Amino acid sequence: MGSRRRVGDLLTEAIAKALSVIRASASLEGLKEDPVVRAYRDFYWRLGIDPTKVRPSSEALARRAFRGECPQGEPARGRGQRGFTRDLSAYRNL
């Protein structure tokens, strides 16, 4: 392939970058009080879903970021994860 990079590699880099922004801007302990995370949690409660048992995707991904994990997977799922990290970082004005 030469200088062409695989889509999966580009997605992994984009996710890693977004996760590092999240890690630098908040703490694991304060995550549940983040306005965006709080809104997702409140929405889950209104749907009758306990967000401590079934976490909103953006919160689960942010928690993984704080543990130093970068999710790996197929490119289609990576696009979704990238969108969730963008939601979390964009709404926090990062």
C-alpha atoms as a PDB file:
ATOM      1  CA  MET A   1       0.000   0.000   0.000  1.00  0.00           C
ATOM      2  CA  GLY A   2       2.942   2.353   0.272  1.00  0.00           C
ATOM      3  CA  SER A   3       2.132   5.629   1.969  1.00  0.00           C
ATOM      4  CA  ARG A   4      -1.604   4.937   2.086  1.00  0.00           C
ATOM      5  CA  ARG A   5      -2.842   4.219   5.551  1.00  0.00           C
ATOM      6  CA  ARG A   6      -5.659   1.896   6.387  1.00  0.00           C
ATOM      7  CA  VAL A   7      -8.962   3.409   7.444  1.00  0.00           C
ATOM      8  CA  GLY A   8      -8.763   1.443  10.696  1.00  0.00           C
ATOM      9  CA  ASP A   9      -5.414   3.059  11.517  1.00  0.00           C
ATOM     10  CA  LEU A  10      -6.806   6.536  10.870  1.00  0.00           C
ATOM     11  CA  LEU A  11      -9.822   5.826  13.066  1.00  0.00           C
ATOM     12  CA  THR A  12      -7.633   4.470  15.850  1.00  0.00           C
ATOM     13  CA  GLU A  13      -5.531   7.645  15.736  1.00  0.00           C
ATOM     14  CA  ALA A  14      -8.622   9.877  15.783  1.00  0.00           C
ATOM     15  CA  ILE A  15     -10.086   7.977  18.734  1.00  0.00           C
ATOM     16  CA  ALA A  16      -6.786   8.098  20.628  1.00  0.00           C
ATOM     17  CA  LYS A  17      -6.560  11.859  20.084  1.00  0.00           C
ATOM     18  CA  ALA A  18     -10.132  12.460  21.290  1.00  0.00           C
ATOM     19  CA  LEU A  19      -9.565  10.236  24.323  1.00  0.00           C
ATOM     20  CA  SER A  20      -6.419  12.140  25.271  1.00  0.00           C
ATOM     21  CA  VAL A  21      -8.412  15.399  25.152  1.00  0.00           C
ATOM     22  CA  ILE A  22     -11.019  13.873  27.462  1.00  0.00           C
ATOM     23  CA  ARG A  23      -8.330  12.562  29.840  1.00  0.00           C
ATOM     24  CA  ALA A  24      -6.724  15.999  30.039  1.00  0.00           C
ATOM     25  CA  SER A  25      -9.972  17.837  30.739  1.00  0.00           C
ATOM     26  CA  ALA A  26     -11.709  15.858  33.470  1.00  0.00           C
ATOM     27  CA  SER A  27     -11.279  13.156  36.089  1.00  0.00           C
ATOM     28  CA  LEU A  28     -12.812   9.726  36.497  1.00  0.00           C
ATOM     29  CA  GLU A  29     -14.310  10.762  39.830  1.00  0.00           C
ATOM     30  CA  GLY A  30     -15.954  13.867  38.364  1.00  0.00           C
ATOM     31  CA  LEU A  31     -17.144  12.212  35.171  1.00  0.00           C
ATOM     32  CA  LYS A  32     -20.683  11.478  36.356  1.00  0.00           C
ATOM     33  CA  GLU A  33     -21.165  15.177  37.162  1.00  0.00           C
ATOM     34  CA  ASP A  34     -20.027  16.332  33.716  1.00  0.00           C
ATOM     35  CA  PRO A  35     -23.021  18.160  32.131  1.00  0.00           C
ATOM     36  CA  VAL A  36     -23.052  15.950  29.027  1.00  0.00           C
ATOM     37  CA  VAL A  37     -22.663  12.707  30.962  1.00  0.00           C
ATOM     38  CA  ARG A  38     -25.268  13.912  33.484  1.00  0.00           C
ATOM     39  CA  ALA A  39     -27.734  14.596  30.640  1.00  0.00           C
ATOM     40  CA  TYR A  40     -27.217  11.096  29.202  1.00  0.00           C
ATOM     41  CA  ARG A  41     -27.614   9.528  32.670  1.00  0.00           C
ATOM     42  CA  ASP A  42     -30.804  11.486  33.363  1.00  0.00           C
ATOM     43  CA  PHE A  43     -32.171  10.426  29.971  1.00  0.00           C
ATOM     44  CA  TYR A  44     -31.409   6.768  30.747  1.00  0.00           C
ATOM     45  CA  TRP A  45     -33.226   7.085  34.089  1.00  0.00           C
ATOM     46  CA  ARG A  46     -36.272   8.554  32.294  1.00  0.00           C
ATOM     47  CA  LEU A  47     -36.257   5.530  29.994  1.00  0.00           C
ATOM     48  CA  GLY A  48     -36.204   3.239  33.023  1.00  0.00           C
ATOM     49  CA  ILE A  49     -32.598   2.144  32.448  1.00  0.00           C
ATOM     50  CA  ASP A  50     -30.158   2.207  35.371  1.00  0.00           C
ATOM     51  CA  PRO A  51     -27.047   3.971  33.965  1.00  0.00           C
ATOM     52  CA  THR A  52     -24.873   2.443  36.701  1.00  0.00           C
ATOM     53  CA  LYS A  53     -25.627  -0.989  35.227  1.00  0.00           C
ATOM     54  CA  VAL A  54     -25.884  -0.065  31.538  1.00  0.00           C
ATOM     55  CA  ARG A  55     -23.655   2.943  30.926  1.00  0.00           C
ATOM     56  CA  PRO A  56     -24.244   5.429  28.139  1.00  0.00           C
ATOM     57  CA  SER A  57     -21.694   4.728  25.396  1.00  0.00           C
ATOM     58  CA  SER A  58     -19.906   8.063  25.711  1.00  0.00           C
ATOM     59  CA  GLU A  59     -19.482   7.602  29.466  1.00  0.00           C
ATOM     60  CA  ALA A  60     -18.248   4.026  29.071  1.00  0.00           C
ATOM     61  CA  LEU A  61     -15.746   5.163  26.454  1.00  0.00           C
ATOM     62  CA  ALA A  62     -14.568   8.058  28.638  1.00  0.00           C
ATOM     63  CA  ARG A  63     -14.116   5.657  31.576  1.00  0.00           C
ATOM     64  CA  ARG A  64     -11.956   3.459  29.357  1.00  0.00           C
ATOM     65  CA  ALA A  65      -9.920   6.524  28.409  1.00  0.00           C
ATOM     66  CA  PHE A  66      -9.246   7.296  32.067  1.00  0.00           C
ATOM     67  CA  ARG A  67      -8.014   3.727  32.523  1.00  0.00           C
ATOM     68  CA  GLY A  68      -5.622   4.242  29.612  1.00  0.00           C
ATOM     69  CA  GLU A  69      -7.449   1.940  27.234  1.00  0.00           C
ATOM     70  CA  CYS A  70      -7.975   2.742  23.586  1.00  0.00           C
ATOM     71  CA  PRO A  71     -10.762   0.651  22.090  1.00  0.00           C
ATOM     72  CA  GLN A  72      -9.872  -1.527  19.152  1.00  0.00           C
ATOM     73  CA  GLY A  73     -12.342  -2.981  16.738  1.00  0.00           C
ATOM     74  CA  GLU A  74     -13.690  -2.929  13.273  1.00  0.00           C
ATOM     75  CA  PRO A  75     -13.746   0.399  11.410  1.00  0.00           C
ATOM     76  CA  ALA A  76     -17.565   0.699  11.450  1.00  0.00           C
ATOM     77  CA  ARG A  77     -17.651   0.509  15.237  1.00  0.00           C
ATOM     78  CA  GLY A  78     -14.675   2.874  15.396  1.00  0.00           C
ATOM     79  CA  ARG A  79     -16.662   5.528  13.556  1.00  0.00           C
ATOM     80  CA  GLY A  80     -19.383   5.297  16.191  1.00  0.00           C
ATOM     81  CA  GLN A  81     -16.872   5.508  19.019  1.00  0.00           C
ATOM     82  CA  ARG A  82     -15.258   8.512  17.402  1.00  0.00           C
ATOM     83  CA  GLY A  83     -18.650  10.201  17.221  1.00  0.00           C
ATOM     84  CA  PHE A  84     -19.295   9.594  20.912  1.00  0.00           C
ATOM     85  CA  THR A  85     -15.902  10.980  21.913  1.00  0.00           C
ATOM     86  CA  ARG A  86     -16.551  14.005  19.718  1.00  0.00           C
ATOM     87  CA  ASP A  87     -19.911  14.523  21.454  1.00  0.00           C
ATOM     88  CA  LEU A  88     -18.315  14.428  24.865  1.00  0.00           C
ATOM     89  CA  SER A  89     -15.422  16.709  23.969  1.00  0.00           C
ATOM     90  CA  ALA A  90     -17.396  19.143  21.763  1.00  0.00           C
ATOM     91  CA  TYR A  91     -20.127  19.821  24.273  1.00  0.00           C
ATOM     92  CA  ARG A  92     -17.515  20.571  26.887  1.00  0.00           C
ATOM     93  CA  ASN A  93     -16.067  23.301  24.600  1.00  0.00           C
ATOM     94  CA  LEU A  94     -12.759  21.486  24.188  1.00  0.00           C
END
